[in-house]
């Protein structure tokens, strides 16, 4: 497989993932972003932990979808992430995600 073939393959995987994201985003309440992954989920709990003077974050998610083009199963019942880096949690506003209907509909 050439470098060009690999690049095309990865581009196709990313496009498929984006299409899947558009199909499923309306099913979820929260968007969670860590330094390694992006998740959609319906339940999220963030706990700040300290150990030996270090601070880290424990993020627990329920009913989640993982943005990862190399995973065959992106839906997970429960996910837990431990990280020393920033975590972003946003509640999704579903009206912002919907395509506006035309006046004639």
PDB file of N, CA and C in Angstrom:
ATOM      1  N   UNK A   1       0.849  -1.177   0.000  1.00  0.00           N
ATOM      2  CA  UNK A   1       0.000   0.000   0.000  1.00  0.00           C
ATOM      3  C   UNK A   1       0.892   1.237   0.000  1.00  0.00           C
ATOM      4  N   UNK A   2       0.636   2.125  -0.926  1.00  0.00           N
ATOM      5  CA  UNK A   2       1.448   3.337  -1.026  1.00  0.00           C
ATOM      6  C   UNK A   2       0.977   4.372  -0.001  1.00  0.00           C
ATOM      7  N   UNK A   3       1.794   5.390   0.208  1.00  0.00           N
ATOM      8  CA  UNK A   3       1.444   6.467   1.131  1.00  0.00           C
ATOM      9  C   UNK A   3       0.187   7.187   0.664  1.00  0.00           C
ATOM     10  N   UNK A   4       0.040   7.314  -0.646  1.00  0.00           N
ATOM     11  CA  UNK A   4      -1.149   7.964  -1.208  1.00  0.00           C
ATOM     12  C   UNK A   4      -2.403   7.126  -0.951  1.00  0.00           C
ATOM     13  N   UNK A   5      -2.287   5.796  -1.117  1.00  0.00           N
ATOM     14  CA  UNK A   5      -3.410   4.900  -0.835  1.00  0.00           C
ATOM     15  C   UNK A   5      -3.809   4.970   0.635  1.00  0.00           C
ATOM     16  N   UNK A   6      -2.817   4.994   1.515  1.00  0.00           N
ATOM     17  CA  UNK A   6      -3.080   5.080   2.949  1.00  0.00           C
ATOM     18  C   UNK A   6      -3.764   6.398   3.298  1.00  0.00           C
ATOM     19  N   UNK A   7      -3.307   7.470   2.707  1.00  0.00           N
ATOM     20  CA  UNK A   7      -3.920   8.778   2.955  1.00  0.00           C
ATOM     21  C   UNK A   7      -5.371   8.808   2.471  1.00  0.00           C
ATOM     22  N   UNK A   8      -5.633   8.231   1.306  1.00  0.00           N
ATOM     23  CA  UNK A   8      -6.989   8.179   0.779  1.00  0.00           C
ATOM     24  C   UNK A   8      -7.880   7.314   1.678  1.00  0.00           C
ATOM     25  N   UNK A   9      -7.351   6.189   2.137  1.00  0.00           N
ATOM     26  CA  UNK A   9      -8.093   5.298   3.030  1.00  0.00           C
ATOM     27  C   UNK A   9      -8.477   6.026   4.325  1.00  0.00           C
ATOM     28  N   UNK A  10      -7.519   6.736   4.917  1.00  0.00           N
ATOM     29  CA  UNK A  10      -7.785   7.471   6.148  1.00  0.00           C
ATOM     30  C   UNK A  10      -8.785   8.600   5.917  1.00  0.00           C
ATOM     31  N   UNK A  11      -8.705   9.255   4.777  1.00  0.00           N
ATOM     32  CA  UNK A  11      -9.664  10.321   4.449  1.00  0.00           C
ATOM     33  C   UNK A  11     -11.078   9.755   4.334  1.00  0.00           C
ATOM     34  N   UNK A  12     -11.215   8.588   3.707  1.00  0.00           N
ATOM     35  CA  UNK A  12     -12.515   7.944   3.587  1.00  0.00           C
ATOM     36  C   UNK A  12     -13.063   7.535   4.950  1.00  0.00           C
ATOM     37  N   UNK A  13     -12.194   7.001   5.827  1.00  0.00           N
ATOM     38  CA  UNK A  13     -12.616   6.633   7.173  1.00  0.00           C
ATOM     39  C   UNK A  13     -13.096   7.858   7.946  1.00  0.00           C
ATOM     40  N   UNK A  14     -12.380   8.947   7.829  1.00  0.00           N
ATOM     41  CA  UNK A  14     -12.753  10.168   8.546  1.00  0.00           C
ATOM     42  C   UNK A  14     -14.081  10.723   8.022  1.00  0.00           C
ATOM     43  N   UNK A  15     -14.302  10.670   6.731  1.00  0.00           N
ATOM     44  CA  UNK A  15     -15.570  11.119   6.155  1.00  0.00           C
ATOM     45  C   UNK A  15     -16.722  10.243   6.639  1.00  0.00           C
ATOM     46  N   UNK A  16     -16.525   8.929   6.678  1.00  0.00           N
ATOM     47  CA  UNK A  16     -17.551   8.016   7.189  1.00  0.00           C
ATOM     48  C   UNK A  16     -17.858   8.316   8.656  1.00  0.00           C
ATOM     49  N   UNK A  17     -16.815   8.607   9.437  1.00  0.00           N
ATOM     50  CA  UNK A  17     -16.984   8.924  10.849  1.00  0.00           C
ATOM     51  C   UNK A  17     -17.766  10.223  11.020  1.00  0.00           C
ATOM     52  N   UNK A  18     -17.455  11.224  10.209  1.00  0.00           N
ATOM     53  CA  UNK A  18     -18.174  12.495  10.277  1.00  0.00           C
ATOM     54  C   UNK A  18     -19.653  12.294   9.935  1.00  0.00           C
ATOM     55  N   UNK A  19     -19.935  11.479   8.936  1.00  0.00           N
ATOM     56  CA  UNK A  19     -21.328  11.201   8.573  1.00  0.00           C
ATOM     57  C   UNK A  19     -22.055  10.486   9.705  1.00  0.00           C
ATOM     58  N   UNK A  20     -21.371   9.549  10.346  1.00  0.00           N
ATOM     59  CA  UNK A  20     -21.973   8.850  11.483  1.00  0.00           C
ATOM     60  C   UNK A  20     -22.238   9.834  12.621  1.00  0.00           C
ATOM     61  N   UNK A  21     -21.279  10.721  12.879  1.00  0.00           N
ATOM     62  CA  UNK A  21     -21.443  11.737  13.912  1.00  0.00           C
ATOM     63  C   UNK A  21     -22.702  12.565  13.654  1.00  0.00           C
ATOM     64  N   UNK A  22     -22.890  13.013  12.418  1.00  0.00           N
ATOM     65  CA  UNK A  22     -24.069  13.809  12.078  1.00  0.00           C
ATOM     66  C   UNK A  22     -25.356  13.019  12.311  1.00  0.00           C
ATOM     67  N   UNK A  23     -25.326  11.725  12.086  1.00  0.00           N
ATOM     68  CA  UNK A  23     -26.494  10.875  12.282  1.00  0.00           C
ATOM     69  C   UNK A  23     -26.823  10.653  13.758  1.00  0.00           C
ATOM     70  N   UNK A  24     -25.810  10.619  14.629  1.00  0.00           N
ATOM     71  CA  UNK A  24     -26.048  10.245  16.025  1.00  0.00           C
ATOM     72  C   UNK A  24     -26.036  11.412  17.010  1.00  0.00           C
ATOM     73  N   UNK A  25     -25.526  12.555  16.643  1.00  0.00           N
ATOM     74  CA  UNK A  25     -25.353  13.648  17.608  1.00  0.00           C
ATOM     75  C   UNK A  25     -26.657  14.035  18.289  1.00  0.00           C
ATOM     76  N   UNK A  26     -27.761  13.979  17.600  1.00  0.00           N
ATOM     77  CA  UNK A  26     -29.049  14.355  18.189  1.00  0.00           C
ATOM     78  C   UNK A  26     -29.506  13.388  19.284  1.00  0.00           C
ATOM     79  N   UNK A  27     -28.887  12.212  19.376  1.00  0.00           N
ATOM     80  CA  UNK A  27     -29.256  11.229  20.386  1.00  0.00           C
ATOM     81  C   UNK A  27     -28.625  11.495  21.749  1.00  0.00           C
ATOM     82  N   UNK A  28     -27.681  12.449  21.813  1.00  0.00           N
ATOM     83  CA  UNK A  28     -26.880  12.641  23.019  1.00  0.00           C
ATOM     84  C   UNK A  28     -27.064  14.014  23.640  1.00  0.00           C
ATOM     85  N   UNK A  29     -26.763  14.095  24.922  1.00  0.00           N
ATOM     86  CA  UNK A  29     -26.941  15.321  25.701  1.00  0.00           C
ATOM     87  C   UNK A  29     -25.652  16.100  25.885  1.00  0.00           C
ATOM     88  N   UNK A  30     -24.517  15.402  25.980  1.00  0.00           N
ATOM     89  CA  UNK A  30     -23.248  16.056  26.287  1.00  0.00           C
ATOM     90  C   UNK A  30     -22.176  15.733  25.248  1.00  0.00           C
ATOM     91  N   UNK A  31     -21.279  16.692  25.058  1.00  0.00           N
ATOM     92  CA  UNK A  31     -20.058  16.492  24.284  1.00  0.00           C
ATOM     93  C   UNK A  31     -18.901  16.620  25.267  1.00  0.00           C
ATOM     94  N   UNK A  32     -18.026  15.633  25.269  1.00  0.00           N
ATOM     95  CA  UNK A  32     -16.887  15.612  26.187  1.00  0.00           C
ATOM     96  C   UNK A  32     -15.625  15.496  25.357  1.00  0.00           C
ATOM     97  N   UNK A  33     -14.663  16.380  25.640  1.00  0.00           N
ATOM     98  CA  UNK A  33     -13.406  16.348  24.906  1.00  0.00           C
ATOM     99  C   UNK A  33     -12.241  16.254  25.884  1.00  0.00           C
ATOM    100  N   UNK A  34     -11.385  15.269  25.646  1.00  0.00           N
ATOM    101  CA  UNK A  34     -10.146  15.123  26.406  1.00  0.00           C
ATOM    102  C   UNK A  34      -8.992  15.325  25.434  1.00  0.00           C
ATOM    103  N   UNK A  35      -7.772  15.211  25.925  1.00  0.00           N
ATOM    104  CA  UNK A  35      -6.626  15.409  25.028  1.00  0.00           C
ATOM    105  C   UNK A  35      -6.503  14.304  23.989  1.00  0.00           C
ATOM    106  N   UNK A  36      -7.142  13.168  24.221  1.00  0.00           N
ATOM    107  CA  UNK A  36      -7.005  12.038  23.298  1.00  0.00           C
ATOM    108  C   UNK A  36      -8.250  11.710  22.492  1.00  0.00           C
ATOM    109  N   UNK A  37      -9.443  12.032  23.009  1.00  0.00           N
ATOM    110  CA  UNK A  37     -10.667  11.601  22.356  1.00  0.00           C
ATOM    111  C   UNK A  37     -11.772  12.650  22.496  1.00  0.00           C
ATOM    112  N   UNK A  38     -12.790  12.453  21.648  1.00  0.00           N
ATOM    113  CA  UNK A  38     -14.017  13.237  21.698  1.00  0.00           C
ATOM    114  C   UNK A  38     -15.152  12.243  21.886  1.00  0.00           C
ATOM    115  N   UNK A  39     -16.073  12.545  22.799  1.00  0.00           N
ATOM    116  CA  UNK A  39     -17.183  11.650  23.114  1.00  0.00           C
ATOM    117  C   UNK A  39     -18.498  12.411  23.053  1.00  0.00           C
ATOM    118  N   UNK A  40     -19.555  11.704  22.707  1.00  0.00           N
ATOM    119  CA  UNK A  40     -20.921  12.151  22.913  1.00  0.00           C
ATOM    120  C   UNK A  40     -21.492  11.208  23.955  1.00  0.00           C
ATOM    121  N   UNK A  41     -22.280  11.724  24.906  1.00  0.00           N
ATOM    122  CA  UNK A  41     -22.835  10.840  25.923  1.00  0.00           C
ATOM    123  C   UNK A  41     -24.110  11.432  26.512  1.00  0.00           C
ATOM    124  N   UNK A  42     -24.836  10.600  27.240  1.00  0.00           N
ATOM    125  CA  UNK A  42     -26.055  11.048  27.896  1.00  0.00           C
ATOM    126  C   UNK A  42     -25.899  11.214  29.393  1.00  0.00           C
ATOM    127  N   UNK A  43     -24.799  10.772  29.936  1.00  0.00           N
ATOM    128  CA  UNK A  43     -24.499  10.962  31.349  1.00  0.00           C
ATOM    129  C   UNK A  43     -23.016  11.175  31.522  1.00  0.00           C
ATOM    130  N   UNK A  44     -22.638  12.167  32.331  1.00  0.00           N
ATOM    131  CA  UNK A  44     -21.213  12.428  32.544  1.00  0.00           C
ATOM    132  C   UNK A  44     -21.001  12.885  33.983  1.00  0.00           C
ATOM    133  N   UNK A  45     -19.911  12.419  34.569  1.00  0.00           N
ATOM    134  CA  UNK A  45     -19.541  12.792  35.933  1.00  0.00           C
ATOM    135  C   UNK A  45     -18.048  13.077  35.947  1.00  0.00           C
ATOM    136  N   UNK A  46     -17.673  14.273  36.404  1.00  0.00           N
ATOM    137  CA  UNK A  46     -16.261  14.674  36.471  1.00  0.00           C
ATOM    138  C   UNK A  46     -15.862  14.772  37.926  1.00  0.00           C
ATOM    139  N   UNK A  47     -14.784  14.084  38.279  1.00  0.00           N
ATOM    140  CA  UNK A  47     -14.242  14.154  39.641  1.00  0.00           C
ATOM    141  C   UNK A  47     -12.788  14.590  39.564  1.00  0.00           C
ATOM    142  N   UNK A  48     -12.428  15.524  40.416  1.00  0.00           N
ATOM    143  CA  UNK A  48     -11.035  15.977  40.516  1.00  0.00           C
ATOM    144  C   UNK A  48     -10.387  15.153  41.618  1.00  0.00           C
ATOM    145  N   UNK A  49      -9.289  14.515  41.298  1.00  0.00           N
ATOM    146  CA  UNK A  49      -8.582  13.647  42.244  1.00  0.00           C
ATOM    147  C   UNK A  49      -7.185  14.212  42.507  1.00  0.00           C
ATOM    148  N   UNK A  50      -6.685  13.998  43.699  1.00  0.00           N
ATOM    149  CA  UNK A  50      -5.302  14.364  44.027  1.00  0.00           C
ATOM    150  C   UNK A  50      -4.618  13.155  44.629  1.00  0.00           C
ATOM    151  N   UNK A  51      -3.373  12.987  44.233  1.00  0.00           N
ATOM    152  CA  UNK A  51      -2.586  11.879  44.760  1.00  0.00           C
ATOM    153  C   UNK A  51      -1.121  12.290  44.744  1.00  0.00           C
ATOM    154  N   UNK A  52      -0.511  12.305  45.901  1.00  0.00           N
ATOM    155  CA  UNK A  52       0.907  12.660  45.991  1.00  0.00           C
ATOM    156  C   UNK A  52       1.214  14.060  45.466  1.00  0.00           C
ATOM    157  N   UNK A  53       0.297  14.979  45.636  1.00  0.00           N
ATOM    158  CA  UNK A  53       0.501  16.342  45.156  1.00  0.00           C
ATOM    159  C   UNK A  53       0.119  16.564  43.699  1.00  0.00           C
ATOM    160  N   UNK A  54      -0.194  15.487  42.972  1.00  0.00           N
ATOM    161  CA  UNK A  54      -0.623  15.616  41.582  1.00  0.00           C
ATOM    162  C   UNK A  54      -2.145  15.694  41.515  1.00  0.00           C
ATOM    163  N   UNK A  55      -2.636  16.464  40.572  1.00  0.00           N
ATOM    164  CA  UNK A  55      -4.074  16.573  40.344  1.00  0.00           C
ATOM    165  C   UNK A  55      -4.396  15.899  39.015  1.00  0.00           C
ATOM    166  N   UNK A  56      -5.431  15.063  39.017  1.00  0.00           N
ATOM    167  CA  UNK A  56      -5.894  14.464  37.766  1.00  0.00           C
ATOM    168  C   UNK A  56      -7.409  14.421  37.779  1.00  0.00           C
ATOM    169  N   UNK A  57      -7.979  14.145  36.625  1.00  0.00           N
ATOM    170  CA  UNK A  57      -9.423  14.157  36.449  1.00  0.00           C
ATOM    171  C   UNK A  57      -9.911  12.755  36.091  1.00  0.00           C
ATOM    172  N   UNK A  58     -11.017  12.384  36.704  1.00  0.00           N
ATOM    173  CA  UNK A  58     -11.671  11.120  36.398  1.00  0.00           C
ATOM    174  C   UNK A  58     -13.020  11.465  35.776  1.00  0.00           C
ATOM    175  N   UNK A  59     -13.191  11.083  34.531  1.00  0.00           N
ATOM    176  CA  UNK A  59     -14.429  11.367  33.807  1.00  0.00           C
ATOM    177  C   UNK A  59     -15.135  10.044  33.560  1.00  0.00           C
ATOM    178  N   UNK A  60     -16.350   9.927  34.085  1.00  0.00           N
ATOM    179  CA  UNK A  60     -17.166   8.733  33.858  1.00  0.00           C
ATOM    180  C   UNK A  60     -18.325   9.127  32.954  1.00  0.00           C
ATOM    181  N   UNK A  61     -18.549   8.329  31.914  1.00  0.00           N
ATOM    182  CA  UNK A  61     -19.618   8.608  30.953  1.00  0.00           C
ATOM    183  C   UNK A  61     -20.500   7.385  30.788  1.00  0.00           C
ATOM    184  N   UNK A  62     -21.789   7.639  30.585  1.00  0.00           N
ATOM    185  CA  UNK A  62     -22.756   6.568  30.349  1.00  0.00           C
ATOM    186  C   UNK A  62     -23.410   6.794  28.995  1.00  0.00           C
ATOM    187  N   UNK A  63     -23.696   5.686  28.321  1.00  0.00           N
ATOM    188  CA  UNK A  63     -24.373   5.738  27.026  1.00  0.00           C
ATOM    189  C   UNK A  63     -23.588   6.661  26.092  1.00  0.00           C
ATOM    190  N   UNK A  64     -22.405   6.215  25.695  1.00  0.00           N
ATOM    191  CA  UNK A  64     -21.467   7.084  24.975  1.00  0.00           C
ATOM    192  C   UNK A  64     -21.188   6.601  23.552  1.00  0.00           C
ATOM    193  N   UNK A  65     -20.769   7.564  22.745  1.00  0.00           N
ATOM    194  CA  UNK A  65     -20.294   7.330  21.381  1.00  0.00           C
ATOM    195  C   UNK A  65     -18.907   7.954  21.298  1.00  0.00           C
ATOM    196  N   UNK A  66     -17.939   7.224  20.756  1.00  0.00           N
ATOM    197  CA  UNK A  66     -16.548   7.660  20.734  1.00  0.00           C
ATOM    198  C   UNK A  66     -16.141   8.038  19.313  1.00  0.00           C
ATOM    199  N   UNK A  67     -15.553   9.240  19.168  1.00  0.00           N
ATOM    200  CA  UNK A  67     -15.023   9.681  17.868  1.00  0.00           C
ATOM    201  C   UNK A  67     -13.652   9.022  17.725  1.00  0.00           C
ATOM    202  N   UNK A  68     -13.601   7.924  17.005  1.00  0.00           N
ATOM    203  CA  UNK A  68     -12.344   7.212  16.766  1.00  0.00           C
ATOM    204  C   UNK A  68     -12.540   6.377  15.508  1.00  0.00           C
ATOM    205  N   UNK A  69     -11.883   6.788  14.430  1.00  0.00           N
ATOM    206  CA  UNK A  69     -12.128   6.126  13.150  1.00  0.00           C
ATOM    207  C   UNK A  69     -11.567   4.712  13.083  1.00  0.00           C
ATOM    208  N   UNK A  70     -10.749   4.316  14.042  1.00  0.00           N
ATOM    209  CA  UNK A  70     -10.175   2.968  14.017  1.00  0.00           C
ATOM    210  C   UNK A  70     -10.946   1.977  14.888  1.00  0.00           C
ATOM    211  N   UNK A  71     -11.964   2.438  15.614  1.00  0.00           N
ATOM    212  CA  UNK A  71     -12.798   1.541  16.425  1.00  0.00           C
ATOM    213  C   UNK A  71     -13.899   0.965  15.558  1.00  0.00           C
ATOM    214  N   UNK A  72     -14.143  -0.309  15.692  1.00  0.00           N
ATOM    215  CA  UNK A  72     -15.252  -0.908  14.950  1.00  0.00           C
ATOM    216  C   UNK A  72     -16.570  -0.681  15.676  1.00  0.00           C
ATOM    217  N   UNK A  73     -16.534  -0.628  17.004  1.00  0.00           N
ATOM    218  CA  UNK A  73     -17.729  -0.366  17.810  1.00  0.00           C
ATOM    219  C   UNK A  73     -17.537   0.955  18.546  1.00  0.00           C
ATOM    220  N   UNK A  74     -18.239   1.974  18.101  1.00  0.00           N
ATOM    221  CA  UNK A  74     -18.067   3.292  18.715  1.00  0.00           C
ATOM    222  C   UNK A  74     -19.058   3.563  19.846  1.00  0.00           C
ATOM    223  N   UNK A  75     -20.126   2.768  19.925  1.00  0.00           N
ATOM    224  CA  UNK A  75     -21.089   2.932  21.013  1.00  0.00           C
ATOM    225  C   UNK A  75     -20.618   2.107  22.207  1.00  0.00           C
ATOM    226  N   UNK A  76     -20.558   2.746  23.385  1.00  0.00           N
ATOM    227  CA  UNK A  76     -20.166   2.036  24.605  1.00  0.00           C
ATOM    228  C   UNK A  76     -21.160   2.362  25.715  1.00  0.00           C
ATOM    229  N   UNK A  77     -21.442   1.374  26.539  1.00  0.00           N
ATOM    230  CA  UNK A  77     -22.403   1.568  27.627  1.00  0.00           C
ATOM    231  C   UNK A  77     -21.825   2.483  28.700  1.00  0.00           C
ATOM    232  N   UNK A  78     -20.580   2.247  29.077  1.00  0.00           N
ATOM    233  CA  UNK A  78     -19.902   3.060  30.094  1.00  0.00           C
ATOM    234  C   UNK A  78     -18.459   3.275  29.667  1.00  0.00           C
ATOM    235  N   UNK A  79     -17.951   4.460  29.934  1.00  0.00           N
ATOM    236  CA  UNK A  79     -16.546   4.765  29.636  1.00  0.00           C
ATOM    237  C   UNK A  79     -15.982   5.579  30.792  1.00  0.00           C
ATOM    238  N   UNK A  80     -14.731   5.307  31.112  1.00  0.00           N
ATOM    239  CA  UNK A  80     -14.055   6.060  32.163  1.00  0.00           C
ATOM    240  C   UNK A  80     -12.711   6.510  31.614  1.00  0.00           C
ATOM    241  N   UNK A  81     -12.393   7.789  31.827  1.00  0.00           N
ATOM    242  CA  UNK A  81     -11.139   8.370  31.360  1.00  0.00           C
ATOM    243  C   UNK A  81     -10.427   8.995  32.550  1.00  0.00           C
ATOM    244  N   UNK A  82      -9.149   8.703  32.682  1.00  0.00           N
ATOM    245  CA  UNK A  82      -8.302   9.357  33.669  1.00  0.00           C
ATOM    246  C   UNK A  82      -7.298  10.208  32.907  1.00  0.00           C
ATOM    247  N   UNK A  83      -7.185  11.486  33.287  1.00  0.00           N
ATOM    248  CA  UNK A  83      -6.292  12.370  32.555  1.00  0.00           C
ATOM    249  C   UNK A  83      -5.710  13.450  33.474  1.00  0.00           C
ATOM    250  N   UNK A  84      -4.510  13.879  33.151  1.00  0.00           N
ATOM    251  CA  UNK A  84      -3.876  14.988  33.849  1.00  0.00           C
ATOM    252  C   UNK A  84      -4.107  16.298  33.095  1.00  0.00           C
ATOM    253  N   UNK A  85      -4.718  16.223  31.952  1.00  0.00           N
ATOM    254  CA  UNK A  85      -4.938  17.388  31.095  1.00  0.00           C
ATOM    255  C   UNK A  85      -6.362  17.904  31.218  1.00  0.00           C
ATOM    256  N   UNK A  86      -6.616  19.009  30.541  1.00  0.00           N
ATOM    257  CA  UNK A  86      -7.936  19.629  30.568  1.00  0.00           C
ATOM    258  C   UNK A  86      -9.011  18.709  30.010  1.00  0.00           C
ATOM    259  N   UNK A  87     -10.214  18.890  30.523  1.00  0.00           N
ATOM    260  CA  UNK A  87     -11.396  18.180  30.056  1.00  0.00           C
ATOM    261  C   UNK A  87     -12.459  19.229  29.769  1.00  0.00           C
ATOM    262  N   UNK A  88     -13.094  19.117  28.617  1.00  0.00           N
ATOM    263  CA  UNK A  88     -14.175  20.034  28.248  1.00  0.00           C
ATOM    264  C   UNK A  88     -15.478  19.244  28.209  1.00  0.00           C
ATOM    265  N   UNK A  89     -16.486  19.747  28.936  1.00  0.00           N
ATOM    266  CA  UNK A  89     -17.801  19.122  28.947  1.00  0.00           C
ATOM    267  C   UNK A  89     -18.811  20.192  28.560  1.00  0.00           C
ATOM    268  N   UNK A  90     -19.573  19.919  27.528  1.00  0.00           N
ATOM    269  CA  UNK A  90     -20.584  20.866  27.064  1.00  0.00           C
ATOM    270  C   UNK A  90     -21.932  20.172  26.946  1.00  0.00           C
ATOM    271  N   UNK A  91     -22.975  20.867  27.378  1.00  0.00           N
ATOM    272  CA  UNK A  91     -24.316  20.355  27.158  1.00  0.00           C
ATOM    273  C   UNK A  91     -24.738  20.798  25.761  1.00  0.00           C
ATOM    274  N   UNK A  92     -25.194  19.853  24.969  1.00  0.00           N
ATOM    275  CA  UNK A  92     -25.555  20.147  23.587  1.00  0.00           C
ATOM    276  C   UNK A  92     -26.915  20.821  23.511  1.00  0.00           C
ATOM    277  N   UNK A  93     -26.995  21.863  22.693  1.00  0.00           N
ATOM    278  CA  UNK A  93     -28.268  22.523  22.412  1.00  0.00           C
ATOM    279  C   UNK A  93     -28.772  21.956  21.101  1.00  0.00           C
ATOM    280  N   UNK A  94     -29.716  21.051  21.166  1.00  0.00           N
ATOM    281  CA  UNK A  94     -30.152  20.327  19.977  1.00  0.00           C
ATOM    282  C   UNK A  94     -30.786  21.217  18.925  1.00  0.00           C
ATOM    283  N   UNK A  95     -31.393  22.314  19.306  1.00  0.00           N
ATOM    284  CA  UNK A  95     -31.977  23.199  18.299  1.00  0.00           C
ATOM    285  C   UNK A  95     -30.885  23.776  17.400  1.00  0.00           C
ATOM    286  N   UNK A  96     -29.669  23.932  17.926  1.00  0.00           N
ATOM    287  CA  UNK A  96     -28.548  24.425  17.129  1.00  0.00           C
ATOM    288  C   UNK A  96     -28.054  23.379  16.142  1.00  0.00           C
ATOM    289  N   UNK A  97     -28.359  22.112  16.380  1.00  0.00           N
ATOM    290  CA  UNK A  97     -27.851  21.034  15.552  1.00  0.00           C
ATOM    291  C   UNK A  97     -28.780  20.678  14.406  1.00  0.00           C
ATOM    292  N   UNK A  98     -30.018  21.118  14.475  1.00  0.00           N
ATOM    293  CA  UNK A  98     -30.987  20.769  13.465  1.00  0.00           C
ATOM    294  C   UNK A  98     -30.906  21.713  12.268  1.00  0.00           C
ATOM    295  N   UNK A  99     -31.139  21.171  11.114  1.00  0.00           N
ATOM    296  CA  UNK A  99     -31.160  21.985   9.905  1.00  0.00           C
ATOM    297  C   UNK A  99     -32.475  22.753   9.901  1.00  0.00           C
ATOM    298  N   UNK A 100     -32.408  24.076   9.712  1.00  0.00           N
ATOM    299  CA  UNK A 100     -33.655  24.857   9.693  1.00  0.00           C
ATOM    300  C   UNK A 100     -34.566  24.411   8.550  1.00  0.00           C
ATOM    301  N   UNK A 101     -35.861  24.388   8.823  1.00  0.00           N
ATOM    302  CA  UNK A 101     -36.830  24.010   7.796  1.00  0.00           C
ATOM    303  C   UNK A 101     -37.178  25.239   6.981  1.00  0.00           C
ATOM    304  N   UNK A 102     -37.471  25.012   5.726  1.00  0.00           N
ATOM    305  CA  UNK A 102     -37.833  26.144   4.876  1.00  0.00           C
ATOM    306  C   UNK A 102     -39.243  26.623   5.226  1.00  0.00           C
ATOM    307  N   UNK A 103     -39.551  27.821   4.845  1.00  0.00           N
ATOM    308  CA  UNK A 103     -40.846  28.410   5.156  1.00  0.00           C
ATOM    309  C   UNK A 103     -41.964  27.660   4.457  1.00  0.00           C
ATOM    310  N   UNK A 104     -41.671  27.025   3.336  1.00  0.00           N
ATOM    311  CA  UNK A 104     -42.688  26.325   2.546  1.00  0.00           C
ATOM    312  C   UNK A 104     -43.019  24.936   3.074  1.00  0.00           C
ATOM    313  N   UNK A 105     -42.266  24.425   4.065  1.00  0.00           N
ATOM    314  CA  UNK A 105     -42.515  23.065   4.585  1.00  0.00           C
ATOM    315  C   UNK A 105     -43.689  23.026   5.512  1.00  0.00           C
TER     316      UNK A 105
END
